Amino acid sequence: MIDLIVEVLGGERFLAQDLGRTHRVFPAPAAERDRFAGLLSWPALNEILNTHRLEPPRLRLAINGTTVPTSDYCEQRTYRRMQPWNAPQPHLLAAQLRDGATLVLDAIEEMHPPIRDMASRLERHLRTGVQVNAYASWTSKEGFGVHWDDHDVIVIQVAGAKRWRVYGPTRLTPLYRDIDFDDTPPEHPTDAFTLEAGDVLHVPRGWWHAAAASTGRPSLHLTCGLATHTGIDLLSWLVDELRAHQSMRADLPRWADEATRSAWRRHAAELLSERLDDPSIIENYLAARDAAYGSHGGFSLPHAVSAQPSDADLRVRLTAPRALIRDAGQTVALEAAGQRWILAAEAAPLLDMLASGRETGVGRLSAAAGIAPEQVAELLHQFLQAGVVAVSDA
C-alpha cells in the first residue's frame, strides 16, 4: 500500500510546511492515475451499501448545502427483534443522485479493510485520530456549498474528477467549541482547480472551500479528517493530571478570607507553572494520548475463544495504531489502548514488528525475538484478551 505521507505528500516537508498552514495539491504522475483504486472501487462501495445497515445520518445525501430528507430515498422497515430503521432504496437513491445530490458515507474505515489500514497508517504517522468519509457525486451541483471544517482534511481523489474552489480562512484555527464564529465566507476564491483520479489535496482547518463533480463524470473521493491537538487540549489534559494533588481536589476556599484565597491562587499557579516549564510537556501529552488511543477492529474468531494461538502460520496484526514501546534497558513496555505490559528486553524485536502495523506471522515473531512459539502464543493470548491484536488464518 502507498505510504500517503511519505510517498505522496512529501514526508517531513509536508509536516513542517503544509499541515495546518496552507492548502496544496499533490498531483499524480500520469502513469499513476489509478494508484488509489485499491482503496475503494465502485463494486466495493455497492457491496458496503448492500450489506451494511447504514442508518442516516451516517449515510446521507446533500445538495446545495442542504440535507435531502430521509423519506425521499429510504423505506422504513420494522423487525420483531430489532429496532426499525430507514433502509435506503437503490432506485430512489439513484434518482436523487441523478438530480444532483452527493452521497456521503461517514467513517467508512470501520467498514472497509483497505481504508481502515490506510487510516491506521495515517494515525501512526501523524499521532492523531483519523476519520475517513466517502463522497460520490455525478453532477456540477455542489453538495455542501462554501464551508469550512474544524479539522485539517486530506482529500484523496479515487476515481473521476472533482472541481474545487479554495477561499482561505476568515478566522485562524477555529474550534468546534469556540467563543467566536464567522459565518460569512470570502467573496472570491484564492484558487480553483480540478482534482483528477490519483491526486491528493490538503485543506487546513478553517479554510473555506467548495467542491462539485463535472457533469457526466462520476466522482469518488475520500476525505481524511485529522483530529486536532491544540493548546486547549493540552491544558485540559494537564488539568486532569492535577487531580493527583489533594489541594486541587479539595473544595475552593469560597468562604475563606482574602489571604487564604490568595495563597490558594499562588499554589495553583505554581503547580501549573511547574508542569508547563517542563521541556517535555508536549511530548508527554502526545505520549499520553497515544497510549490511551483505542483499537480498530480485532474480532478474531475462533482463535480469540479457543486455545492459545500457537500455530506458526497464523497471521497477527496489532489493532492499536498508536501503541507506544518504551525501552527501559532490562525491560521493554508496550502501552496500547489504555493498557500497559512490561516484558523482558528480549521481546523488543517482537513488539517492534507488531508496532509497525503490518500483518505478520507467529513464526516470524518467534524468530525475531528468539523465543519459543509457545511463549509467543502465551503473549498473544494476553493481547487478544486485552483487545489489542487480531489473529487470523494465513
Protein backbone atom coordinates (compact mmCIF):
# COMPACT_ATOMS: atom_id res chain seq x y z
CA MET A 1 0.00 0.00 0.00
CA ILE A 2 1.17 3.54 -0.78
CA ASP A 3 2.55 5.46 2.19
CA LEU A 4 0.38 8.55 1.81
CA ILE A 5 2.54 10.81 3.98
CA VAL A 6 5.97 9.81 2.68
CA GLU A 7 5.35 8.83 -0.94
CA VAL A 8 2.59 11.28 -1.86
CA LEU A 9 2.69 14.27 0.48
CA GLY A 10 6.45 14.54 0.85
CA GLY A 11 7.04 13.34 4.39
CA GLU A 12 8.70 15.81 6.75
CA ARG A 13 8.28 18.68 4.28
CA PHE A 14 4.51 18.30 4.42
CA LEU A 15 4.50 18.09 8.21
CA ALA A 16 6.75 21.14 8.60
CA GLN A 17 5.43 23.41 5.84
CA ASP A 18 1.92 22.41 4.78
CA LEU A 19 -0.02 20.65 7.53
CA GLY A 20 -2.30 23.17 9.20
CA ARG A 21 -0.70 26.05 7.31
CA THR A 22 -1.72 26.15 3.66
CA HIS A 23 -3.65 24.23 1.05
CA ARG A 24 -1.68 22.30 -1.52
CA VAL A 25 -2.46 19.97 -4.42
CA PHE A 26 -0.27 16.90 -4.87
CA PRO A 27 -0.87 15.76 -8.47
CA ALA A 28 -0.43 12.15 -9.51
CA PRO A 29 2.05 11.24 -12.23
CA ALA A 30 0.29 10.40 -15.47
CA ALA A 31 1.15 6.72 -15.10
CA GLU A 32 -0.27 6.54 -11.55
CA ARG A 33 -3.83 7.80 -12.00
CA ASP A 34 -5.14 4.52 -10.59
CA ARG A 35 -2.86 4.47 -7.55
CA PHE A 36 -5.80 4.70 -5.11
CA ALA A 37 -8.12 2.32 -6.96
CA GLY A 38 -7.48 -0.36 -4.35
CA LEU A 39 -8.82 1.81 -1.55
CA LEU A 40 -12.42 1.89 -2.77
CA SER A 41 -13.87 0.69 -6.06
CA TRP A 42 -17.43 1.23 -7.22
CA PRO A 43 -18.19 -2.51 -6.72
CA ALA A 44 -16.78 -2.29 -3.18
CA LEU A 45 -18.94 0.75 -2.43
CA ASN A 46 -22.00 -1.09 -3.76
CA GLU A 47 -21.19 -4.06 -1.53
CA ILE A 48 -20.97 -1.81 1.53
CA LEU A 49 -24.32 -0.22 0.67
CA ASN A 50 -25.86 -3.66 0.09
CA THR A 51 -24.59 -5.38 3.24
CA HIS A 52 -24.45 -2.72 5.98
CA ARG A 53 -27.31 -1.24 7.94
CA LEU A 54 -26.48 2.37 7.16
CA GLU A 55 -28.91 4.47 9.14
CA PRO A 56 -28.89 8.15 8.18
CA PRO A 57 -27.14 10.43 9.00
CA ARG A 58 -24.14 8.10 8.69
CA LEU A 59 -25.23 7.66 5.11
CA ARG A 60 -26.82 10.85 3.82
CA LEU A 61 -27.47 12.83 0.67
CA ALA A 62 -26.78 16.55 0.34
CA ILE A 63 -27.46 19.12 -2.37
CA ASN A 64 -26.81 22.86 -2.46
CA GLY A 65 -25.89 22.95 1.20
CA THR A 66 -28.98 21.13 2.48
CA THR A 67 -29.59 17.54 3.52
CA VAL A 68 -32.07 15.56 1.42
CA PRO A 69 -34.95 14.31 3.61
CA THR A 70 -34.54 10.65 4.51
CA SER A 71 -38.08 9.91 3.37
CA ASP A 72 -37.13 10.84 -0.21
CA TYR A 73 -34.85 7.83 -0.66
CA CYS A 74 -35.48 5.45 2.27
CA GLU A 75 -38.17 3.00 3.29
CA GLN A 76 -38.83 2.31 6.95
CA ARG A 77 -38.55 -1.35 7.87
CA THR A 78 -39.65 -2.98 11.11
CA TYR A 79 -38.49 -6.18 12.75
CA ARG A 80 -39.64 -8.30 15.67
CA ARG A 81 -36.28 -8.27 17.48
CA MET A 82 -34.51 -5.19 16.08
CA GLN A 83 -35.11 -1.50 16.05
CA PRO A 84 -36.90 -0.20 12.94
CA TRP A 85 -34.68 1.63 10.53
CA ASN A 86 -34.79 3.74 7.39
CA ALA A 87 -33.39 1.49 4.68
CA PRO A 88 -32.00 3.32 1.61
CA GLN A 89 -33.69 2.11 -1.58
CA PRO A 90 -31.31 1.75 -4.54
CA HIS A 91 -33.67 3.17 -7.17
CA LEU A 92 -34.76 6.12 -5.04
CA LEU A 93 -31.18 6.92 -4.01
CA ALA A 94 -30.03 6.78 -7.65
CA ALA A 95 -32.81 9.17 -8.66
CA GLN A 96 -31.60 11.71 -6.10
CA LEU A 97 -28.04 11.35 -7.34
CA ARG A 98 -29.18 11.93 -10.93
CA ASP A 99 -30.84 15.15 -9.76
CA GLY A 100 -27.55 16.42 -8.35
CA ALA A 101 -27.29 15.09 -4.79
CA THR A 102 -23.96 13.98 -3.33
CA LEU A 103 -23.79 10.67 -1.45
CA VAL A 104 -21.84 10.81 1.82
CA LEU A 105 -20.78 7.82 3.89
CA ASP A 106 -19.11 8.65 7.22
CA ALA A 107 -16.38 6.63 8.95
CA ILE A 108 -16.02 4.19 6.08
CA GLU A 109 -12.74 2.96 7.62
CA GLU A 110 -14.93 0.99 10.06
CA MET A 111 -16.45 -0.99 7.17
CA HIS A 112 -13.72 -1.46 4.58
CA PRO A 113 -10.32 -3.01 5.45
CA PRO A 114 -8.21 -1.22 2.78
CA ILE A 115 -9.36 2.17 4.07
CA ARG A 116 -9.00 1.01 7.68
CA ASP A 117 -5.38 0.07 7.02
CA MET A 118 -4.70 3.40 5.30
CA ALA A 119 -6.28 5.33 8.19
CA SER A 120 -4.26 3.34 10.73
CA ARG A 121 -1.05 4.22 8.91
CA LEU A 122 -2.01 7.88 8.96
CA GLU A 123 -2.81 7.70 12.66
CA ARG A 124 0.52 6.03 13.38
CA HIS A 125 2.44 8.64 11.37
CA LEU A 126 0.56 11.76 12.46
CA ARG A 127 -0.15 10.63 16.06
CA THR A 128 -3.75 11.69 15.85
CA GLY A 129 -7.20 10.26 15.22
CA VAL A 130 -8.37 9.96 11.60
CA GLN A 131 -11.92 9.56 10.28
CA VAL A 132 -12.41 8.78 6.60
CA ASN A 133 -15.61 9.78 4.80
CA ALA A 134 -16.51 8.77 1.24
CA TYR A 135 -18.22 11.12 -1.26
CA ALA A 136 -19.79 10.18 -4.58
CA SER A 137 -21.35 12.67 -6.99
CA TRP A 138 -22.34 12.89 -10.65
CA THR A 139 -23.32 16.49 -11.49
CA SER A 140 -21.96 20.02 -11.20
CA LYS A 141 -24.30 20.79 -8.29
CA GLU A 142 -22.46 21.27 -5.01
CA GLY A 143 -23.39 19.08 -2.09
CA PHE A 144 -22.39 21.45 0.70
CA GLY A 145 -21.70 24.86 -0.79
CA VAL A 146 -18.89 27.03 0.55
CA HIS A 147 -17.95 25.87 4.05
CA TRP A 148 -15.03 25.22 6.40
CA ASP A 149 -14.11 22.28 8.65
CA ASP A 150 -12.85 22.38 12.22
CA HIS A 151 -10.02 19.95 11.38
CA ASP A 152 -7.39 19.55 8.67
CA VAL A 153 -8.50 17.41 5.74
CA ILE A 154 -6.53 15.27 3.32
CA VAL A 155 -8.60 14.63 0.19
CA ILE A 156 -7.90 11.55 -1.95
CA GLN A 157 -9.46 11.51 -5.42
CA VAL A 158 -10.08 7.83 -6.11
CA ALA A 159 -12.00 7.95 -9.39
CA GLY A 160 -13.38 10.57 -11.77
CA ALA A 161 -12.74 14.25 -11.17
CA LYS A 162 -13.84 16.98 -8.75
CA ARG A 163 -13.71 20.75 -9.21
CA TRP A 164 -12.56 22.69 -6.14
CA ARG A 165 -12.55 26.30 -5.04
CA VAL A 166 -10.47 27.34 -2.02
CA TYR A 167 -11.07 30.72 -0.36
CA GLY A 168 -8.73 30.72 2.64
CA PRO A 169 -9.64 31.42 6.29
CA THR A 170 -11.57 34.28 7.90
CA ARG A 171 -10.80 33.08 11.45
CA LEU A 172 -7.50 31.32 12.03
CA THR A 173 -7.61 27.83 13.58
CA PRO A 174 -11.29 27.83 14.62
CA LEU A 175 -12.55 25.23 17.07
CA TYR A 176 -15.67 23.10 17.16
CA ARG A 177 -16.39 24.66 20.56
CA ASP A 178 -15.30 28.26 20.06
CA ILE A 179 -16.11 31.65 21.53
CA ASP A 180 -16.49 33.42 18.21
CA PHE A 181 -17.71 32.41 14.76
CA ASP A 182 -17.51 33.96 11.30
CA ASP A 183 -20.20 32.53 9.04
CA THR A 184 -19.57 34.83 6.09
CA PRO A 185 -17.23 33.29 3.51
CA PRO A 186 -14.86 35.40 1.40
CA GLU A 187 -16.41 36.63 -1.82
CA HIS A 188 -13.75 35.36 -4.22
CA PRO A 189 -11.71 32.14 -4.17
CA THR A 190 -7.94 32.33 -3.98
CA ASP A 191 -7.54 29.14 -6.00
CA ALA A 192 -9.64 26.97 -8.31
CA PHE A 193 -8.59 23.63 -9.76
CA THR A 194 -9.74 20.13 -10.68
CA LEU A 195 -8.61 17.01 -8.86
CA GLU A 196 -8.20 14.06 -11.18
CA ALA A 197 -8.00 10.42 -10.12
CA GLY A 198 -4.81 9.86 -8.15
CA ASP A 199 -4.48 13.47 -6.98
CA VAL A 200 -4.39 14.49 -3.31
CA LEU A 201 -5.35 17.79 -1.68
CA HIS A 202 -4.67 19.18 1.77
CA VAL A 203 -7.06 21.79 3.21
CA PRO A 204 -6.24 23.31 6.63
CA ARG A 205 -9.00 23.70 9.22
CA GLY A 206 -10.89 26.93 8.98
CA TRP A 207 -10.24 27.34 5.25
CA TRP A 208 -13.42 27.94 3.27
CA HIS A 209 -13.83 25.65 0.26
CA ALA A 210 -16.41 24.11 -2.09
CA ALA A 211 -16.38 21.14 -4.46
CA ALA A 212 -18.52 19.77 -7.29
CA ALA A 213 -18.20 16.99 -9.84
CA SER A 214 -18.19 17.55 -13.58
CA THR A 215 -21.48 16.54 -15.18
CA GLY A 216 -21.21 13.12 -16.79
CA ARG A 217 -18.03 12.15 -14.89
CA PRO A 218 -18.84 10.19 -11.73
CA SER A 219 -16.56 11.32 -8.91
CA LEU A 220 -15.50 9.21 -5.96
CA HIS A 221 -13.24 10.71 -3.32
CA LEU A 222 -12.25 10.18 0.31
CA THR A 223 -11.64 12.80 2.97
CA CYS A 224 -9.33 12.00 5.87
CA GLY A 225 -10.31 14.26 8.77
CA LEU A 226 -7.41 14.74 11.20
CA ALA A 227 -8.25 15.25 14.87
CA THR A 228 -6.64 18.38 16.31
CA HIS A 229 -4.11 18.70 19.15
CA THR A 230 -4.44 22.27 20.39
CA GLY A 231 -3.21 24.19 23.40
CA ILE A 232 -6.71 23.83 24.81
CA ASP A 233 -6.39 20.05 24.52
CA LEU A 234 -3.03 20.03 26.29
CA LEU A 235 -4.29 22.26 29.11
CA SER A 236 -7.38 20.08 29.54
CA TRP A 237 -5.10 17.03 29.88
CA LEU A 238 -2.88 18.93 32.30
CA VAL A 239 -5.84 19.90 34.47
CA ASP A 240 -6.87 16.23 34.60
CA GLU A 241 -3.32 15.35 35.67
CA LEU A 242 -3.61 17.81 38.58
CA ARG A 243 -6.24 15.54 40.13
CA ALA A 244 -3.24 13.77 41.68
CA HIS A 245 -2.86 16.76 44.06
CA GLN A 246 -5.17 16.73 47.08
CA SER A 247 -5.14 20.53 47.16
CA MET A 248 -6.69 20.61 43.67
CA ARG A 249 -9.29 18.00 44.58
CA ALA A 250 -10.35 19.96 47.65
CA ASP A 251 -13.22 22.44 47.57
CA LEU A 252 -12.40 26.01 46.57
CA PRO A 253 -11.93 28.34 49.56
CA ARG A 254 -15.26 30.01 48.85
CA TRP A 255 -15.86 31.24 52.39
CA ALA A 256 -12.23 31.96 53.36
CA ASP A 257 -10.61 35.37 53.86
CA GLU A 258 -8.64 37.06 51.09
CA ALA A 259 -5.28 35.91 52.45
CA THR A 260 -6.35 32.26 52.22
CA ARG A 261 -7.75 32.77 48.72
CA SER A 262 -4.54 34.47 47.63
CA ALA A 263 -2.48 31.56 48.98
CA TRP A 264 -4.67 29.11 47.03
CA ARG A 265 -4.17 31.07 43.80
CA ARG A 266 -0.40 31.13 44.25
CA HIS A 267 -0.32 27.40 44.93
CA ALA A 268 -2.42 26.61 41.84
CA ALA A 269 -0.25 28.88 39.70
CA GLU A 270 2.90 27.18 40.97
CA LEU A 271 1.55 23.73 40.12
CA LEU A 272 0.63 24.81 36.60
CA SER A 273 3.86 26.73 36.06
CA GLU A 274 5.94 23.78 37.21
CA ARG A 275 4.28 21.48 34.69
CA LEU A 276 4.37 23.98 31.82
CA ASP A 277 8.08 24.67 32.45
CA ASP A 278 8.84 21.01 31.72
CA PRO A 279 10.58 20.95 28.28
CA SER A 280 8.97 17.57 27.56
CA ILE A 281 5.38 18.67 28.33
CA ILE A 282 4.22 18.47 24.69
CA GLU A 283 5.81 15.07 24.13
CA ASN A 284 4.36 13.81 27.43
CA TYR A 285 0.90 14.96 26.33
CA LEU A 286 1.22 13.27 22.93
CA ALA A 287 2.51 10.06 24.52
CA ALA A 288 -0.41 10.02 26.95
CA ARG A 289 -2.88 10.45 24.09
CA ASP A 290 -1.11 7.74 22.05
CA ALA A 291 -1.18 5.24 24.90
CA ALA A 292 -4.87 5.89 25.58
CA TYR A 293 -5.97 5.72 21.92
CA GLY A 294 -8.19 2.76 21.12
CA SER A 295 -8.08 -0.12 18.66
CA HIS A 296 -9.55 -0.64 15.18
CA GLY A 297 -11.39 -3.90 14.71
CA GLY A 298 -9.84 -7.02 16.12
CA PHE A 299 -12.51 -9.73 16.06
CA SER A 300 -10.52 -12.97 15.88
CA LEU A 301 -12.96 -15.85 15.96
CA PRO A 302 -12.46 -18.70 16.53
CA HIS A 303 -8.92 -18.07 17.83
CA ALA A 304 -9.89 -15.50 20.47
CA VAL A 305 -12.12 -18.09 22.16
CA SER A 306 -10.05 -21.20 21.51
CA ALA A 307 -6.69 -22.19 22.97
CA GLN A 308 -3.58 -20.03 22.69
CA PRO A 309 -2.74 -19.18 19.03
CA SER A 310 0.46 -21.24 18.71
CA ASP A 311 0.20 -22.21 15.02
CA ALA A 312 3.27 -20.71 13.36
CA ASP A 313 1.27 -19.95 10.20
CA LEU A 314 -1.30 -17.75 11.95
CA ARG A 315 -1.33 -14.09 10.94
CA VAL A 316 -1.17 -11.39 13.63
CA ARG A 317 -1.93 -7.67 13.45
CA LEU A 318 -1.72 -5.02 16.17
CA THR A 319 -5.07 -3.19 16.20
CA ALA A 320 -3.90 -0.21 18.27
CA PRO A 321 -2.30 2.08 15.65
CA ARG A 322 -0.74 4.49 18.16
CA ALA A 323 0.78 1.94 20.53
CA LEU A 324 3.94 3.04 22.36
CA ILE A 325 7.06 0.99 23.06
CA ARG A 326 9.26 2.19 25.93
CA ASP A 327 12.74 0.68 26.29
CA ALA A 328 13.96 0.64 29.89
CA GLY A 329 17.13 -1.38 29.38
CA GLN A 330 16.39 -4.65 31.15
CA THR A 331 12.71 -4.43 30.27
CA VAL A 332 10.51 -3.11 27.48
CA ALA A 333 6.96 -1.82 27.89
CA LEU A 334 4.06 -1.83 25.45
CA GLU A 335 1.35 0.78 26.05
CA ALA A 336 -1.76 0.44 23.93
CA ALA A 337 -5.48 1.18 24.25
CA GLY A 338 -5.08 2.40 27.82
CA GLN A 339 -3.19 -0.72 28.96
CA ARG A 340 0.43 -1.50 29.75
CA TRP A 341 2.60 -4.61 29.61
CA ILE A 342 6.18 -4.87 30.93
CA LEU A 343 8.22 -7.59 29.25
CA ALA A 344 11.81 -8.78 29.17
CA ALA A 345 14.09 -6.80 26.87
CA GLU A 346 14.30 -9.83 24.54
CA ALA A 347 10.70 -9.13 23.49
CA ALA A 348 11.63 -5.77 21.91
CA PRO A 349 12.04 -7.09 18.31
CA LEU A 350 8.66 -8.82 18.56
CA LEU A 351 6.97 -5.63 19.76
CA ASP A 352 8.68 -3.59 17.04
CA MET A 353 7.27 -5.91 14.39
CA LEU A 354 3.77 -5.60 15.84
CA ALA A 355 4.00 -1.83 16.25
CA SER A 356 4.80 -1.40 12.55
CA GLY A 357 1.11 -2.11 11.93
CA ARG A 358 1.88 -4.73 9.31
CA GLU A 359 0.40 -8.18 9.50
CA THR A 360 2.98 -10.82 10.33
CA GLY A 361 3.16 -14.48 11.27
CA VAL A 362 3.51 -16.15 14.66
CA GLY A 363 6.58 -17.95 13.34
CA ARG A 364 8.27 -14.68 12.33
CA LEU A 365 7.53 -13.14 15.72
CA SER A 366 9.08 -16.17 17.40
CA ALA A 367 12.21 -15.96 15.24
CA ALA A 368 12.58 -12.20 15.70
CA ALA A 369 12.55 -12.45 19.50
CA GLY A 370 14.43 -15.72 19.68
CA ILE A 371 11.79 -17.29 21.90
CA ALA A 372 9.72 -20.43 21.54
CA PRO A 373 6.40 -20.28 19.65
CA GLU A 374 4.68 -21.37 22.85
CA GLN A 375 5.93 -18.24 24.63
CA VAL A 376 4.78 -16.08 21.71
CA ALA A 377 1.39 -17.80 21.86
CA GLU A 378 1.07 -17.04 25.57
CA LEU A 379 1.86 -13.36 25.00
CA LEU A 380 -0.51 -13.10 22.02
CA HIS A 381 -3.22 -14.71 24.12
CA GLN A 382 -2.85 -11.89 26.64
CA PHE A 383 -3.00 -9.31 23.86
CA LEU A 384 -6.07 -11.00 22.38
CA GLN A 385 -7.84 -10.93 25.74
CA ALA A 386 -6.98 -7.23 26.03
CA GLY A 387 -8.28 -6.45 22.54
CA VAL A 388 -5.08 -5.04 21.04
CA VAL A 389 -4.27 -7.69 18.40
CA ALA A 390 -6.21 -9.58 15.75
CA VAL A 391 -5.34 -13.14 14.72
CA SER A 392 -6.42 -14.90 11.54
CA ASP A 393 -5.55 -17.91 9.42
CA ALA A 394 -2.95 -17.44 6.72
